[in-house]
Protein backbone atom coordinates (compact mmCIF):
# COMPACT_ATOMS: atom_id res chain seq x y z
CA MET A 1 69.74 50.42 114.35
CA ALA A 2 70.26 48.05 111.43
CA GLN A 3 72.96 49.40 109.15
CA SER A 4 71.19 48.04 106.07
CA ASN A 5 67.99 49.96 106.69
CA ILE A 6 69.07 53.60 106.96
CA LEU A 7 67.83 56.28 104.59
CA PHE A 8 70.19 59.27 104.61
CA ILE A 9 68.47 62.58 103.91
CA GLY A 10 70.30 65.80 103.12
CA MET A 11 68.30 69.01 103.11
CA ASN A 12 69.12 72.47 101.80
CA VAL A 13 66.81 74.53 103.98
CA HIS A 14 65.53 78.01 103.16
CA LYS A 15 62.63 80.04 104.49
CA GLU A 16 60.54 79.46 101.36
CA SER A 17 61.72 75.99 100.32
CA ILE A 18 63.56 72.82 101.29
CA VAL A 19 65.50 70.86 98.67
CA ILE A 20 65.88 67.20 99.61
CA SER A 21 68.20 64.43 98.44
CA LEU A 22 68.23 60.78 99.54
CA ALA A 23 70.71 57.93 99.72
CA ASP A 24 70.51 54.35 100.90
CA ASP A 25 73.33 52.97 103.02
CA ASP A 26 74.87 50.98 100.18
CA ARG A 27 77.02 52.31 97.35
CA SER A 28 74.08 53.40 95.24
CA GLU A 29 73.94 56.93 93.82
CA VAL A 30 72.44 59.82 95.71
CA ARG A 31 69.01 60.58 94.29
CA ARG A 32 66.98 63.75 94.42
CA TYR A 33 63.65 63.73 96.18
CA GLY A 34 62.80 67.25 95.04
CA SER A 35 61.88 70.63 96.44
CA ILE A 36 59.08 71.22 98.92
CA GLY A 37 57.65 74.32 100.57
CA GLY A 38 59.44 75.79 103.54
CA THR A 39 56.65 75.55 106.11
CA MET A 40 56.46 72.98 108.87
CA ASP A 41 53.22 71.65 107.38
CA ASP A 42 55.03 71.03 104.09
CA PHE A 43 57.75 69.15 105.90
CA LYS A 44 55.31 67.09 107.96
CA LYS A 45 53.66 65.82 104.77
CA THR A 46 57.06 64.87 103.35
CA LEU A 47 58.09 63.19 106.59
CA ARG A 48 55.01 60.99 106.50
CA LYS A 49 55.95 59.85 103.00
CA LEU A 50 59.51 59.11 104.05
CA VAL A 51 58.36 57.21 107.12
CA SER A 52 56.18 55.06 104.88
CA THR A 53 59.34 53.66 103.26
CA GLY A 54 59.95 51.66 106.42
CA LYS A 55 63.53 52.93 106.63
CA ASP A 56 65.33 54.38 109.63
CA LEU A 57 65.55 58.07 108.74
CA PHE A 58 68.72 60.09 109.29
CA PHE A 59 68.46 63.81 108.40
CA CYS A 60 70.97 66.62 108.16
CA TYR A 61 70.97 70.27 107.14
CA GLU A 62 73.20 73.32 107.42
CA ALA A 63 72.88 75.73 110.32
CA GLY A 64 71.40 78.98 109.13
CA PRO A 65 68.85 81.73 109.66
CA THR A 66 65.92 79.28 109.78
CA GLY A 67 67.11 78.12 113.19
CA TYR A 68 66.61 74.76 114.83
CA ALA A 69 62.84 74.25 114.81
CA LEU A 70 63.18 71.62 112.08
CA TYR A 71 65.80 69.73 114.07
CA ARG A 72 63.62 69.76 117.18
CA TYR A 73 60.60 68.50 115.28
CA ILE A 74 62.51 65.68 113.57
CA THR A 75 64.13 64.44 116.78
CA ALA A 76 60.84 64.74 118.68
CA GLN A 77 59.37 62.32 116.15
CA GLY A 78 62.08 59.80 117.02
CA HIS A 79 64.35 60.26 113.99
CA GLN A 80 68.03 61.06 113.83
CA CYS A 81 69.09 64.52 112.72
CA ILE A 82 72.24 66.61 112.83
CA VAL A 83 72.80 70.26 112.03
CA VAL A 84 76.18 71.10 110.50
CA ALA A 85 78.19 74.29 110.24
CA PRO A 86 78.74 75.38 106.61
CA SER A 87 82.39 76.17 107.38
CA LEU A 88 83.01 72.57 108.48
CA ILE A 89 81.58 70.86 105.41
CA PRO A 90 84.36 69.19 103.38
CA LYS A 91 84.76 70.66 99.90
CA LYS A 92 86.28 69.16 96.79
CA PRO A 93 89.26 71.03 95.26
CA GLY A 94 88.12 73.44 92.59
CA GLU A 95 84.45 73.14 93.51
CA LYS A 96 83.02 76.64 93.06
CA ILE A 97 79.53 76.40 91.61
CA LYS A 98 76.95 75.88 94.32
CA THR A 99 73.26 75.19 93.80
CA ASP A 100 70.58 74.09 96.23
CA LYS A 101 70.34 70.68 94.55
CA ARG A 102 74.09 70.12 94.57
CA ASP A 103 74.31 71.20 98.19
CA ALA A 104 71.57 68.74 99.17
CA ASP A 105 73.30 65.96 97.22
CA ASN A 106 76.62 66.75 98.86
CA LEU A 107 75.16 66.81 102.35
CA THR A 108 73.51 63.44 101.76
CA ARG A 109 76.72 61.91 100.44
CA LEU A 110 78.81 63.24 103.33
CA LEU A 111 76.22 62.19 105.90
CA ARG A 112 76.35 58.64 104.57
CA SER A 113 80.15 58.58 104.63
CA GLY A 114 80.30 59.97 108.17
CA ASP A 115 82.25 63.07 107.15
CA LEU A 116 79.98 65.71 108.71
CA THR A 117 80.54 67.36 112.08
CA ALA A 118 77.41 68.21 114.03
CA VAL A 119 77.08 71.53 115.83
CA HIS A 120 75.61 71.93 119.29
CA VAL A 121 71.90 72.67 119.12
CA PRO A 122 70.74 74.95 121.94
CA ASN A 123 67.44 74.36 123.66
CA ALA A 124 64.54 76.61 122.74
CA GLU A 125 64.94 78.88 125.77
CA ASP A 126 68.62 79.49 125.11
CA GLU A 127 67.93 80.22 121.45
CA VAL A 128 65.30 82.84 122.26
CA ILE A 129 67.66 84.58 124.69
CA ARG A 130 70.46 84.46 122.10
CA ASP A 131 68.23 85.94 119.38
CA LEU A 132 66.97 88.68 121.66
CA SER A 133 70.49 89.52 122.84
CA ARG A 134 71.75 89.76 119.25
CA ALA A 135 68.77 91.91 118.33
CA ARG A 136 69.50 94.22 121.26
CA GLU A 137 73.14 94.52 120.16
CA ASP A 138 71.98 95.37 116.63
CA ALA A 139 69.57 97.95 117.99
CA VAL A 140 72.29 99.58 120.10
CA LEU A 141 74.48 99.98 116.99
CA VAL A 142 71.60 101.43 114.99
CA PHE A 143 70.72 103.76 117.88
CA LYS A 144 74.31 105.05 118.01
CA SER A 145 74.29 105.67 114.27
CA ALA A 146 70.99 107.52 114.51
CA LYS A 147 72.36 109.72 117.31
CA GLN A 148 75.41 110.53 115.20
CA LEU A 149 73.12 111.59 112.35
CA HIS A 150 71.20 113.75 114.80
CA TRP A 151 74.38 115.44 116.03
CA LEU A 152 75.60 115.92 112.46
CA ALA A 153 72.29 117.47 111.45
CA GLU A 154 72.46 119.84 114.41
CA SER A 155 76.00 120.91 113.49
CA VAL A 156 74.81 122.12 110.09
CA ASN A 157 71.48 123.46 111.35
CA MET A 158 69.52 120.75 109.60
CA PRO A 159 66.31 119.69 111.38
CA TYR A 160 66.41 116.08 112.58
CA PRO A 161 63.68 115.40 115.18
CA ALA A 162 64.99 113.59 118.25
CA GLN A 163 62.01 111.23 118.22
CA LYS A 164 63.33 109.80 114.97
CA VAL A 165 66.32 108.44 116.85
CA GLN A 166 64.16 106.35 119.14
CA GLY A 167 61.94 105.44 116.21
CA VAL A 168 64.88 103.88 114.41
CA VAL A 169 65.45 101.51 117.31
CA GLN A 170 61.80 100.60 117.60
CA LYS A 171 61.70 99.65 113.94
CA THR A 172 65.02 97.78 113.86
CA GLN A 173 64.52 94.59 111.91
CA GLY A 174 66.50 92.48 114.36
CA ILE A 175 64.22 93.46 117.24
CA GLN A 176 61.09 92.73 115.23
CA GLN A 177 62.46 89.34 114.16
CA ALA A 178 63.41 88.37 117.66
CA LEU A 179 60.12 89.41 119.21
CA SER A 180 58.19 87.49 116.56
CA ASN A 181 60.46 84.43 116.82
CA ASN A 182 58.43 81.29 116.12
CA TYR A 183 59.82 79.66 119.22
CA LEU A 184 57.99 82.19 121.37
CA LYS A 185 54.74 80.77 120.06
CA GLU A 186 55.72 77.15 119.56
CA GLU A 187 57.48 76.74 122.90
CA ALA A 188 55.16 78.99 124.94
CA LEU A 189 58.00 81.34 125.85
CA PHE A 190 56.12 84.61 125.96
CA SER A 191 56.85 85.01 129.69
CA LEU A 192 60.55 84.48 129.04
CA ARG A 193 60.50 87.18 126.38
CA GLU A 194 58.65 89.63 128.62
CA GLY A 195 61.14 89.04 131.45
CA TRP A 196 64.06 89.70 129.11
CA ILE A 197 62.49 92.92 127.83
CA LYS A 198 61.81 94.22 131.33
CA ALA A 199 65.38 93.46 132.40
CA HIS A 200 66.95 95.35 129.48
CA TYR A 201 64.30 98.03 128.91
CA PRO A 202 62.88 98.81 132.38
CA ASN A 203 61.50 102.14 131.17
CA GLY A 204 60.08 100.82 127.92
């Protein structure tokens, strides 16, 4: 890859939006591309515009709750991308005020200077299993708390229907998030999900 033709792209990624900054591989200032919607369709439109520059694109963004779908899409299109851990991003002394735009600028600058450390990106199957396992752990904690409330209610003769305990688990946000994980649809992993559920909830 020609060193003089790289466009470094730092992204501050959220569910509803992506803030993007750009930098050429010379000493020119980082410039702001702007904010786009957070959907994959929004990003695809932006990617087409960036590709039209004729540059070799090199993306980065922080690991977070949005997962790695963006990374997988970018690399599948033949572009470079790294995902970085927030805790490993170098910080300037006294730097306290953070904004999405500043974060995107900083990521772009550090990407260009080679000061970012990439995290390991799991494959889609491993990520689904990880999300489901975390959701199950969350549900177990919620279930224990609900049982404690049930026992407490009984000790003071306060009605607390037992079915509410199970209902708490069924409605746990972590479970709902995991079972509706986009990867299940995008990577055709419904059978993997069903196998995991049967293994952990044989009587469900």
